[in-house]
Every structure is written in C-alpha cells, then in structure tokens.
Amino acid sequence: MSIFEPSSPVAAPASPHGQPEQRRILVTELPGPRSMALQQRRDRALPPGLGTTLPVFVERAGGGIIVDVDGNHLIDFASGIAVTSVGASAPAVVGRVQEQAATFTHTCFLVTEYEGYVDVADWLNEHTPGEHAKTTALFSTGAEAIENAVKIARASTGRPGVVVFDHAYHGRSLLTMAMTAKEKPYKAGFGPLATDVHRAPFPYPLRWPTGVEHATEEALAALEELLERVGAENIAAIVVEPVQGEGGFVVPTTGFLPGVQEIARGHGIVFVADEVQSGMARTGSLFASEHEGLVPDLIVTAKALAGGLPLSAVTGRAEVMAGAAPGGLGGTYAGNPLACAAALGVFEMVQTHDLVSRAQRIERVVRERLEPVVAESLAVAELRGRGAMMAVELVRPGTLDPDPEAAAAVSAACHRQGVLTLVCGTFGNVIRMLPPLVIDEDLLVEGLDVLAAALRELV
C-alpha cells in the first residue's frame, strides 16, 4: 500500500525518547481513535476560543516529524508556528534544559540573577544588525516583547503614538491586538482597544492597486502623509515585520523598508523590527532585516529563540533601551533560566548546523517543486517568501479574488496525507510553509509533492 494511504499498524520506535523515525507513516485516518478520544476530553475541559489546526495529539516530535498518539508520523511544515526551527527535541536544547532543571528552575531574574540571562543578552547584542552599543531585555512571549518595545520607545521619546501597517500581526494582548490588522478572529468582541495606534498601507506586491512598480513610492508617500496628519512629533515608534507573518508571508517591495527606516530616523521616531516569526535564521539570513541592510533601533525576537520554551527579547540601541527607568521592565517569568538554557542550545545549533544556509536551501527546494504548479494553475496566484518562510496564495481562477475555501481544502488534503500545513493571510487564502530548518531534504521533497498534488486538484 502507498505510504500516502492509511496502512496496517506500524510499531513506533521502542524508546519514547530521542528523535522519531524520519519518515512519514500513516497508521490510521487522521485524526486517529486515540486522538479523537482525547479531543472529546479537550472539548469538555477547554473553552472554544482555543482553536485547533489539526486535532491530533502528539506523543513526541523531532527533526521534521511529529508522531501522534496513534503512531502516525506526520511531516512537519508548521514548526509550532516557526518555533521549533531546530526540531522539537534537539539534543543541544534538551541537554542544556535538563542540566539547568537539575540545578534550579526559577528564581526571578529581578530578584536574584543568573548567568544564562546575561549569556543570551550578550549573544543577541552581538548578532543583531548594527555595530552600535546595544542592550537586551528578555520576556516570555512575542506579544509581551512587542508591548515592551512600545513602552521603551515611548519612554525614550516622550511620545505616545505608534504606527503599524496593513496586514500586520503583532499579537493578541490588548495593545498588540490594536496593532494587528486582522479583525476576525483576533479583535472581534474584545474592544475597546488601545488608542494612539495608526495604520499605514503596506506594499503587498500582488495586491497593490496601481501595480507593483508604483508600490514602494506610493506606500512611502502614504506613510509621510499619515505622519503629517497625526503629527510626527506625536509618534514614538514605527513597528514593521520585515516579512509579514500571519498577514500572508508578504515580502514588501524592494526599497520600502529602508525608506521606512529613513523616514523614522528623519522624524526622531524609533524604528522597530518585529522579527518574532522571521528571526533566528528562518528567512535565510540570521534576521530578515539583513536582506535589505536594515539596522533597527529595536529588534524583537521570540518564537524560535528558545526552541520551544517561552522566551522573547527586545534588543536595541543602548541609549533607547535606557529610556525605561529601573523597575519599568521585566516580569515574573521573563528570561526564565530553563528558556535561557534552551536559547543557548539554539544559538549553538544555528552555528554548528549552518542553519542560515539550510534555510536558503529549503527555499531553493520549495521553488523547484512548486514553481511548476504556479505556472500551470490559475488558482495559485503566487509563490513567495524568503528562506524557510514560504507561502502560496490561492485565488478564484482568472481573478485576484481571494479563495479561502480553496486554501482550507488544500490544507485539509495535506493533513489527510500526513503533512501538517497552516493557513494564514488577511483573507485566509494563503498556505504557509514553515518546516524545521533541520528537516531531511527527502522529507521536505515528499511533503512538497503532497502539497503540489493538492494544489493541482484545484483546477
């Protein structure tokens, strides 16, 4: 029987520890019976506001494979939404976490300090873009770090306002909800939202109304007009994703990001790069800001920073970071010692496994396997992205009308075949690919071929 179809039960590897077998195995239909039983418990215990992409329960994961409780081995094109870039059980991460857990799990860095926090800060200060003096503050989640970046910018400038962009996603907390563009499901019913947030157009190449050749100039002009209208002297920060994440993996037109940086500097506005999803080698450079030579005043990292443990950071110009008074930053769990240990393991793997080059290789393979589909299908408007942050946008054939139903159907078809994909985009019509950077190339190709077959079924 084809590996693409459910087969008779296949025994899982004997040990519950270590890397699972790196091949796709379908033992049952998805979800399997054990997952469905657990889902019934979940539905009774959890509120419906917690959504689910694929209702399977995981037993273990590592490399490019997720193993569910029914023994199915799924190819992972999600990485926990760009979190497990080094794999979900990388020895360099697991070993350091185990060692740290055996000594102490928590003290609160604001009470008694530990070296791991300083080690993480030193690495980020050294490796983020720019040669200027930098300092770093650690937090727990991406949204928390974005909020603190805004706090720091406000404290440094004495101004209240924040400028963000169309299609942006910055989080689900009160301020970051206001900064996020998409209404449903992220903001609906949760107002009133934070004020002093202003939104500017983002040059979405596929959808810029006057054509891609005009997008950079017109988007920058619109930003300048916005600043004139609200008063640039009232704006503390401009926050932008170098590659938009939830908004659809949109890479802005060339020259836009440097133009935004120049405008911010010209008005004394803090330029903040939200690299929560795009950072840590994901886009084929250590930080996506590097693709166009950006040197942000503040750069925000999270997700892949600690290989699955909750850790985020704001790294920036020392003089800007010094704007917050002692006691103004921090949190009980911010920079937890286990998460810091995990981050040091991630940093080790970025170097020893040359994950920047691996992300570049993933992009080449994705383009080789999917560009022929784009060329032949009227339902696939575009293949885009950078490195291992790639996506296809689906439309109704012959138009640019978004087709979220097609995206849902393609993703569901991949799930049935044991390939975990995610849907995103302002219009819900984008399939995103976020494989672990350590995925075996054979697995990557196999998963892409499943996706390509599902895309070809659209027309």
Protein backbone atom coordinates (compact mmCIF):
# COMPACT_ATOMS: atom_id res chain seq x y z
CA MET A 1 0.00 0.00 0.00
CA SER A 2 1.21 3.51 -0.72
CA ILE A 3 2.64 5.48 2.18
CA PHE A 4 0.12 8.15 1.18
CA GLU A 5 -2.70 5.99 2.47
CA PRO A 6 -3.57 4.58 5.90
CA SER A 7 -1.93 1.19 6.32
CA SER A 8 -1.93 -1.58 8.86
CA PRO A 9 -0.46 -0.56 12.22
CA VAL A 10 3.25 0.17 12.25
CA ALA A 11 5.08 -0.16 15.52
CA ALA A 12 6.62 3.03 16.83
CA PRO A 13 10.30 3.04 17.79
CA ALA A 14 10.78 1.21 21.07
CA SER A 15 12.18 4.13 23.03
CA PRO A 16 9.90 7.07 23.83
CA HIS A 17 12.97 9.32 23.91
CA GLY A 18 15.18 10.70 21.16
CA GLN A 19 14.43 11.50 17.55
CA PRO A 20 11.47 9.71 15.96
CA GLU A 21 11.96 7.79 12.75
CA GLN A 22 12.29 10.39 9.99
CA ARG A 23 9.70 9.12 7.56
CA ARG A 24 6.01 9.61 7.00
CA ILE A 25 3.87 6.75 8.28
CA LEU A 26 0.08 6.69 8.27
CA VAL A 27 -1.33 4.05 10.59
CA THR A 28 -4.87 5.41 10.80
CA GLU A 29 -7.00 8.06 9.24
CA LEU A 30 -6.35 11.45 10.80
CA PRO A 31 -7.32 12.05 13.49
CA GLY A 32 -6.97 8.52 14.80
CA PRO A 33 -9.11 6.91 17.51
CA ARG A 34 -6.87 7.83 20.45
CA SER A 35 -6.66 11.43 19.29
CA MET A 36 -10.44 11.57 18.86
CA ALA A 37 -10.96 10.27 22.39
CA LEU A 38 -8.58 12.88 23.75
CA GLN A 39 -10.33 15.54 21.67
CA GLN A 40 -13.58 14.72 23.43
CA ARG A 41 -11.86 15.34 26.77
CA ARG A 42 -10.38 18.57 25.39
CA ASP A 43 -13.78 19.81 24.27
CA ARG A 44 -15.15 19.29 27.77
CA ALA A 45 -12.19 20.90 29.54
CA LEU A 46 -11.24 23.84 27.31
CA PRO A 47 -13.13 26.88 26.01
CA PRO A 48 -13.98 27.06 22.30
CA GLY A 49 -11.87 30.19 21.85
CA LEU A 50 -8.80 27.97 21.71
CA GLY A 51 -8.75 26.87 18.08
CA THR A 52 -7.11 23.80 16.55
CA THR A 53 -5.48 23.35 13.15
CA LEU A 54 -5.34 19.55 13.16
CA PRO A 55 -6.97 17.69 16.08
CA VAL A 56 -4.23 15.14 16.68
CA PHE A 57 -2.45 14.72 19.99
CA VAL A 58 1.33 14.49 19.90
CA GLU A 59 3.34 11.80 21.61
CA ARG A 60 6.78 13.00 20.51
CA ALA A 61 8.43 15.05 17.80
CA GLY A 62 11.85 15.81 16.40
CA GLY A 63 13.64 16.64 13.18
CA GLY A 64 10.95 17.02 10.54
CA ILE A 65 8.46 14.56 12.07
CA ILE A 66 5.59 14.73 14.54
CA VAL A 67 4.35 11.42 15.98
CA ASP A 68 0.79 11.32 17.28
CA VAL A 69 -0.69 9.08 19.95
CA ASP A 70 -1.99 6.69 17.28
CA GLY A 71 1.50 6.13 15.87
CA ASN A 72 1.11 8.30 12.76
CA HIS A 73 4.28 10.07 11.65
CA LEU A 74 3.43 13.46 10.13
CA ILE A 75 5.75 15.66 8.08
CA ASP A 76 6.00 18.93 9.93
CA PHE A 77 5.56 22.06 7.79
CA ALA A 78 4.50 24.15 10.80
CA SER A 79 7.32 24.02 13.38
CA GLY A 80 4.82 25.06 16.03
CA ILE A 81 4.33 28.30 14.03
CA ALA A 82 8.05 28.86 13.38
CA VAL A 83 9.12 27.91 16.90
CA THR A 84 10.89 24.54 16.59
CA SER A 85 13.30 25.60 13.86
CA VAL A 86 15.99 23.35 15.35
CA GLY A 87 13.49 20.50 15.75
CA ALA A 88 11.23 19.75 18.70
CA SER A 89 13.73 17.59 20.60
CA ALA A 90 17.14 18.88 19.53
CA PRO A 91 19.86 17.36 21.75
CA ALA A 92 21.67 20.71 22.05
CA VAL A 93 18.49 22.21 23.51
CA VAL A 94 17.27 19.23 25.53
CA GLY A 95 20.64 18.60 27.16
CA ARG A 96 21.05 22.19 28.32
CA VAL A 97 17.49 22.34 29.65
CA GLN A 98 17.91 19.07 31.56
CA GLU A 99 21.15 20.31 33.11
CA GLN A 100 19.56 23.60 34.11
CA ALA A 101 16.44 21.93 35.52
CA ALA A 102 18.61 19.83 37.79
CA THR A 103 20.11 22.98 39.37
CA PHE A 104 17.17 25.39 39.60
CA THR A 105 14.07 26.12 37.52
CA HIS A 106 13.33 29.68 38.65
CA THR A 107 14.44 32.49 40.91
CA CYS A 108 13.03 35.51 39.00
CA PHE A 109 15.89 37.41 37.44
CA LEU A 110 14.59 40.61 39.03
CA VAL A 111 15.15 39.07 42.48
CA THR A 112 18.35 37.02 42.17
CA GLU A 113 20.25 36.87 38.91
CA TYR A 114 21.82 34.06 36.87
CA GLU A 115 24.40 33.94 34.12
CA GLY A 116 22.23 32.34 31.43
CA TYR A 117 20.16 35.51 31.06
CA VAL A 118 23.30 37.58 30.51
CA ASP A 119 24.67 34.99 28.06
CA VAL A 120 21.52 35.24 25.93
CA ALA A 121 21.62 39.03 26.02
CA ASP A 122 25.29 39.09 25.04
CA TRP A 123 24.61 36.86 22.03
CA LEU A 124 21.70 38.97 20.81
CA ASN A 125 23.63 42.19 21.34
CA GLU A 126 26.45 40.81 19.21
CA HIS A 127 24.46 39.18 16.41
CA THR A 128 21.54 41.53 15.75
CA PRO A 129 22.11 44.06 12.95
CA GLY A 130 24.32 47.08 13.61
CA GLU A 131 27.65 47.75 15.29
CA HIS A 132 26.29 50.29 17.79
CA ALA A 133 26.16 49.70 21.54
CA LYS A 134 23.13 47.54 22.41
CA THR A 135 21.38 46.10 25.41
CA THR A 136 18.71 43.37 25.67
CA ALA A 137 15.73 42.74 27.92
CA LEU A 138 14.14 39.29 27.99
CA PHE A 139 10.45 38.46 28.23
CA SER A 140 8.24 35.40 27.71
CA THR A 141 6.10 35.85 24.57
CA GLY A 142 6.24 37.76 21.31
CA ALA A 143 3.26 39.94 22.20
CA GLU A 144 4.81 40.77 25.56
CA ALA A 145 8.07 41.78 23.86
CA ILE A 146 6.25 43.95 21.30
CA GLU A 147 4.38 45.73 24.10
CA ASN A 148 7.67 46.33 25.90
CA ALA A 149 9.29 47.65 22.72
CA VAL A 150 6.48 50.21 22.54
CA LYS A 151 6.94 51.04 26.24
CA ILE A 152 10.66 51.56 25.68
CA ALA A 153 10.06 53.74 22.62
CA ARG A 154 7.51 55.85 24.49
CA ALA A 155 9.80 56.25 27.48
CA SER A 156 12.75 57.16 25.25
CA THR A 157 10.91 59.70 23.10
CA GLY A 158 8.25 61.03 25.45
CA ARG A 159 5.69 60.46 22.70
CA PRO A 160 2.55 58.28 22.75
CA GLY A 161 1.80 57.21 19.18
CA VAL A 162 2.59 54.02 17.30
CA VAL A 163 2.46 53.46 13.54
CA VAL A 164 1.83 49.97 12.15
CA PHE A 165 0.81 48.65 8.73
CA ASP A 166 -1.95 46.92 6.81
CA HIS A 167 -1.87 43.11 7.05
CA ALA A 168 0.31 43.27 10.18
CA TYR A 169 0.12 40.78 13.04
CA HIS A 170 1.78 41.66 16.35
CA GLY A 171 -0.09 39.59 18.95
CA ARG A 172 -3.25 39.02 20.99
CA SER A 173 -2.69 41.20 24.07
CA LEU A 174 -4.61 44.44 24.44
CA LEU A 175 -2.07 46.74 22.77
CA THR A 176 -0.90 44.22 20.18
CA MET A 177 -4.50 43.45 19.20
CA ALA A 178 -4.85 47.12 18.30
CA MET A 179 -1.59 46.90 16.34
CA THR A 180 -2.76 43.78 14.48
CA ALA A 181 -4.69 44.45 11.27
CA LYS A 182 -6.96 41.41 11.02
CA GLU A 183 -10.30 41.86 12.77
CA LYS A 184 -11.52 38.25 12.92
CA PRO A 185 -10.70 36.27 14.94
CA TYR A 186 -8.08 38.38 16.68
CA LYS A 187 -10.01 41.52 17.68
CA ALA A 188 -13.72 40.84 17.27
CA GLY A 189 -15.57 41.18 20.57
CA PHE A 190 -12.52 42.23 22.59
CA GLY A 191 -12.79 46.03 22.41
CA PRO A 192 -12.37 48.77 23.27
CA LEU A 193 -8.78 48.53 22.13
CA ALA A 194 -5.72 50.61 22.93
CA THR A 195 -5.56 54.08 21.40
CA ASP A 196 -2.76 56.06 19.69
CA VAL A 197 -2.25 53.31 17.10
CA HIS A 198 -2.18 54.50 13.47
CA ARG A 199 -2.14 52.27 10.39
CA ALA A 200 -0.33 52.89 7.10
CA PRO A 201 -0.51 50.99 3.79
CA PHE A 202 1.91 48.10 3.27
CA PRO A 203 3.18 47.47 -0.29
CA TYR A 204 1.73 44.00 -0.85
CA PRO A 205 3.19 43.36 -4.31
CA LEU A 206 0.42 41.08 -5.60
CA ARG A 207 -2.35 43.43 -4.49
CA TRP A 208 -1.04 47.00 -4.80
CA PRO A 209 -3.85 48.78 -6.69
CA THR A 210 -1.70 50.76 -9.16
CA GLY A 211 0.81 47.98 -9.85
CA VAL A 212 3.93 46.71 -8.15
CA GLU A 213 6.17 49.22 -9.95
CA HIS A 214 4.49 52.08 -8.06
CA ALA A 215 4.10 50.38 -4.70
CA THR A 216 7.24 51.49 -2.86
CA GLU A 217 6.97 55.15 -3.83
CA GLU A 218 3.25 55.37 -3.12
CA ALA A 219 3.41 53.47 0.17
CA LEU A 220 6.21 55.69 1.46
CA ALA A 221 4.28 58.78 0.37
CA ALA A 222 1.24 57.48 2.25
CA LEU A 223 3.35 56.98 5.37
CA GLU A 224 4.66 60.55 5.14
CA GLU A 225 1.10 61.83 4.68
CA LEU A 226 -0.04 59.88 7.75
CA LEU A 227 2.78 61.34 9.85
CA GLU A 228 1.92 64.83 8.66
CA ARG A 229 -1.75 64.28 9.50
CA VAL A 230 -1.25 62.88 13.02
CA GLY A 231 1.93 64.81 13.75
CA ALA A 232 5.27 63.03 13.54
CA GLU A 233 6.19 64.70 16.83
CA ASN A 234 3.49 62.54 18.46
CA ILE A 235 4.83 59.20 17.19
CA ALA A 236 7.12 57.14 19.41
CA ALA A 237 7.60 54.10 17.17
CA ILE A 238 7.05 52.67 13.73
CA VAL A 239 6.71 48.88 14.07
CA VAL A 240 7.04 46.67 10.99
CA GLU A 241 7.54 43.00 10.15
CA PRO A 242 10.34 42.67 7.57
CA VAL A 243 8.36 39.72 6.22
CA GLN A 244 4.75 39.72 7.34
CA GLY A 245 3.71 36.56 9.12
CA GLU A 246 0.04 35.95 9.80
CA GLY A 247 -0.77 38.57 7.16
CA GLY A 248 0.30 36.11 4.46
CA PHE A 249 4.12 35.91 4.34
CA VAL A 250 4.15 39.14 2.36
CA VAL A 251 7.60 40.39 1.33
CA PRO A 252 7.32 44.15 0.74
CA THR A 253 8.51 45.72 -2.48
CA THR A 254 12.22 46.49 -2.72
CA GLY A 255 13.23 49.72 -1.06
CA PHE A 256 10.17 50.10 1.14
CA LEU A 257 11.76 49.00 4.42
CA PRO A 258 14.88 51.15 4.01
CA GLY A 259 12.55 54.03 3.15
CA VAL A 260 10.54 53.48 6.33
CA GLN A 261 13.75 53.41 8.35
CA GLU A 262 14.91 56.66 6.77
CA ILE A 263 11.57 58.36 7.44
CA ALA A 264 11.62 57.21 11.06
CA ARG A 265 15.15 58.48 11.62
CA GLY A 266 14.28 61.79 9.98
CA HIS A 267 11.47 62.37 12.46
CA GLY A 268 13.21 61.04 15.57
CA ILE A 269 10.88 58.01 15.64
CA VAL A 270 12.10 54.68 16.99
CA PHE A 271 12.21 52.11 14.16
CA VAL A 272 11.15 48.69 15.49
CA ALA A 273 11.56 45.45 13.53
CA ASP A 274 9.13 42.73 14.63
CA GLU A 275 11.19 39.59 13.93
CA VAL A 276 9.11 37.36 16.16
CA GLN A 277 8.40 34.96 13.27
CA SER A 278 11.11 35.87 10.76
CA GLY A 279 14.14 35.88 13.04
CA MET A 280 16.69 33.24 14.03
CA ALA A 281 17.77 32.13 10.52
CA ARG A 282 14.20 31.46 9.29
CA THR A 283 14.45 33.62 6.14
CA GLY A 284 17.93 32.59 5.01
CA SER A 285 19.69 35.29 6.99
CA LEU A 286 20.08 35.39 10.74
CA PHE A 287 17.49 38.19 10.80
CA ALA A 288 15.14 39.15 7.97
CA SER A 289 16.16 42.79 8.43
CA GLU A 290 19.51 41.92 6.90
CA HIS A 291 18.05 41.26 3.45
CA GLU A 292 17.78 45.00 2.82
CA GLY A 293 20.50 46.20 5.15
CA LEU A 294 18.19 47.45 7.89
CA VAL A 295 19.61 48.48 11.25
CA PRO A 296 16.56 48.73 13.52
CA ASP A 297 16.65 50.86 16.64
CA LEU A 298 14.86 47.99 18.40
CA ILE A 299 14.51 44.41 17.18
CA VAL A 300 12.02 41.97 18.73
CA THR A 301 12.64 38.22 18.72
CA ALA A 302 10.64 35.29 20.10
CA LYS A 303 9.24 32.00 18.67
CA ALA A 304 12.41 30.15 17.51
CA LEU A 305 14.59 31.96 20.06
CA ALA A 306 14.42 29.15 22.63
CA GLY A 307 13.48 26.10 20.58
CA GLY A 308 10.00 25.69 22.07
CA LEU A 309 10.39 27.20 25.51
CA PRO A 310 8.73 30.59 26.12
CA LEU A 311 11.31 33.33 25.62
CA SER A 312 11.31 36.66 23.81
CA ALA A 313 13.61 39.63 23.66
CA VAL A 314 13.85 43.30 22.86
CA THR A 315 17.35 44.22 21.69
CA GLY A 316 18.26 47.76 20.77
CA ARG A 317 20.34 50.86 20.89
CA ALA A 318 21.63 51.26 24.43
CA GLU A 319 20.51 54.88 24.64
CA VAL A 320 16.95 53.98 23.54
CA MET A 321 16.75 50.97 25.84
CA ALA A 322 17.89 53.19 28.73
CA GLY A 323 14.69 55.23 28.39
CA ALA A 324 12.80 52.88 30.72
CA ALA A 325 13.52 53.60 34.38
CA PRO A 326 14.71 50.85 36.77
CA GLY A 327 11.74 48.65 37.61
CA GLY A 328 9.89 49.63 34.45
CA LEU A 329 10.72 46.41 32.59
CA GLY A 330 10.57 42.75 33.46
CA GLY A 331 8.10 40.11 34.62
CA THR A 332 7.95 37.16 36.95
CA TYR A 333 8.88 34.58 34.32
CA ALA A 334 10.75 36.90 31.94
CA GLY A 335 14.05 35.30 30.96
CA ASN A 336 13.31 32.06 32.83
CA PRO A 337 16.54 30.06 33.34
CA LEU A 338 15.23 26.97 31.51
CA ALA A 339 14.29 29.10 28.49
CA CYS A 340 17.67 30.83 28.55
CA ALA A 341 19.42 27.46 28.58
CA ALA A 342 17.32 26.39 25.61
CA ALA A 343 18.22 29.57 23.73
CA LEU A 344 21.91 28.88 24.20
CA GLY A 345 21.32 25.46 22.63
CA VAL A 346 19.56 27.13 19.70
CA PHE A 347 22.48 29.53 19.23
CA GLU A 348 24.84 26.56 19.20
CA MET A 349 22.81 24.80 16.52
CA VAL A 350 22.48 27.92 14.36
CA GLN A 351 26.27 27.90 14.11
CA THR A 352 27.17 24.21 14.10
CA HIS A 353 24.40 23.22 11.65
CA ASP A 354 24.74 26.36 9.50
CA LEU A 355 21.01 26.93 9.70
CA VAL A 356 21.19 30.11 7.63
CA SER A 357 22.43 28.07 4.66
CA ARG A 358 19.88 25.36 5.35
CA ALA A 359 17.07 27.89 5.19
CA GLN A 360 18.42 29.11 1.86
CA ARG A 361 18.49 25.53 0.60
CA ILE A 362 14.90 24.98 1.74
CA GLU A 363 13.80 27.97 -0.34
CA ARG A 364 15.53 26.59 -3.43
CA VAL A 365 13.85 23.20 -3.00
CA VAL A 366 10.43 24.78 -2.40
CA ARG A 367 10.76 26.85 -5.55
CA GLU A 368 11.95 23.89 -7.61
CA ARG A 369 8.97 21.76 -6.56
CA LEU A 370 6.20 24.39 -6.55
CA GLU A 371 7.03 26.91 -9.29
CA PRO A 372 5.80 24.48 -11.99
CA VAL A 373 2.46 24.29 -10.14
CA VAL A 374 2.19 28.08 -10.02
CA ALA A 375 2.94 28.28 -13.74
CA GLU A 376 0.21 25.82 -14.68
CA SER A 377 -2.54 26.66 -12.18
CA LEU A 378 -4.92 29.60 -12.46
CA ALA A 379 -5.85 29.05 -8.82
CA VAL A 380 -2.36 29.77 -7.48
CA ALA A 381 -1.63 33.46 -7.77
CA GLU A 382 1.84 33.50 -6.31
CA LEU A 383 4.61 31.59 -4.59
CA ARG A 384 6.52 33.95 -2.30
CA GLY A 385 8.64 34.27 0.79
CA ARG A 386 12.23 34.04 1.90
CA GLY A 387 14.24 31.09 3.11
CA ALA A 388 12.13 28.60 5.03
CA MET A 389 9.26 31.09 5.31
CA MET A 390 7.40 30.38 2.07
CA ALA A 391 3.75 30.53 1.01
CA VAL A 392 1.32 30.13 -1.86
CA GLU A 393 -1.66 32.44 -2.27
CA LEU A 394 -4.86 30.98 -3.71
CA VAL A 395 -7.41 32.87 -5.76
CA ARG A 396 -10.51 32.17 -7.78
CA PRO A 397 -9.23 31.26 -11.25
CA GLY A 398 -8.87 34.17 -13.61
CA THR A 399 -9.09 36.78 -10.83
CA LEU A 400 -7.23 38.04 -7.78
CA ASP A 401 -10.28 37.36 -5.62
CA PRO A 402 -9.06 35.51 -2.51
CA ASP A 403 -10.22 31.92 -2.21
CA PRO A 404 -10.12 30.90 1.45
CA GLU A 405 -12.23 27.82 0.74
CA ALA A 406 -9.55 26.53 -1.63
CA ALA A 407 -6.85 27.15 0.97
CA ALA A 408 -8.84 25.24 3.57
CA ALA A 409 -9.39 22.38 1.11
CA VAL A 410 -5.72 22.18 0.17
CA SER A 411 -4.61 22.23 3.78
CA ALA A 412 -7.15 19.54 4.70
CA ALA A 413 -5.95 17.36 1.82
CA CYS A 414 -2.38 17.68 3.07
CA HIS A 415 -3.47 16.80 6.59
CA ARG A 416 -5.22 13.64 5.37
CA GLN A 417 -1.94 12.61 3.75
CA GLY A 418 0.12 13.26 6.85
CA VAL A 419 1.62 16.66 6.01
CA LEU A 420 0.96 19.39 8.57
CA THR A 421 0.37 22.75 6.87
CA LEU A 422 -1.02 26.06 8.12
CA VAL A 423 -3.39 28.58 6.57
CA CYS A 424 -2.80 32.31 7.04
CA GLY A 425 -3.33 35.66 5.33
CA THR A 426 -5.61 38.62 5.84
CA PHE A 427 -8.15 36.86 3.61
CA GLY A 428 -7.44 33.33 4.87
CA ASN A 429 -6.29 32.21 1.41
CA VAL A 430 -2.58 31.53 1.94
CA ILE A 431 -0.87 28.20 2.65
CA ARG A 432 2.35 28.81 4.57
CA MET A 433 5.33 26.51 4.82
CA LEU A 434 7.45 26.65 7.96
CA PRO A 435 9.42 23.39 8.08
CA PRO A 436 12.07 22.93 10.75
CA LEU A 437 15.40 24.12 9.39
CA VAL A 438 16.83 20.69 10.24
CA ILE A 439 14.29 18.74 8.15
CA ASP A 440 15.75 15.98 5.96
CA GLU A 441 15.61 17.03 2.33
CA ASP A 442 13.87 13.82 1.30
CA LEU A 443 11.09 14.57 3.80
CA LEU A 444 10.89 18.14 2.55
CA VAL A 445 10.50 17.00 -1.05
CA GLU A 446 7.93 14.37 -0.10
CA GLY A 447 5.83 16.92 1.78
CA LEU A 448 6.07 19.43 -1.06
CA ASP A 449 4.95 16.80 -3.54
CA VAL A 450 1.85 16.14 -1.41
CA LEU A 451 1.15 19.88 -1.36
CA ALA A 452 1.72 20.16 -5.10
CA ALA A 453 -0.72 17.32 -5.77
CA ALA A 454 -3.36 19.01 -3.60
CA LEU A 455 -2.84 22.31 -5.43
CA ARG A 456 -3.21 20.61 -8.82
CA GLU A 457 -6.56 19.25 -7.74
CA LEU A 458 -7.97 22.79 -7.55
CA VAL A 459 -8.42 23.14 -11.33
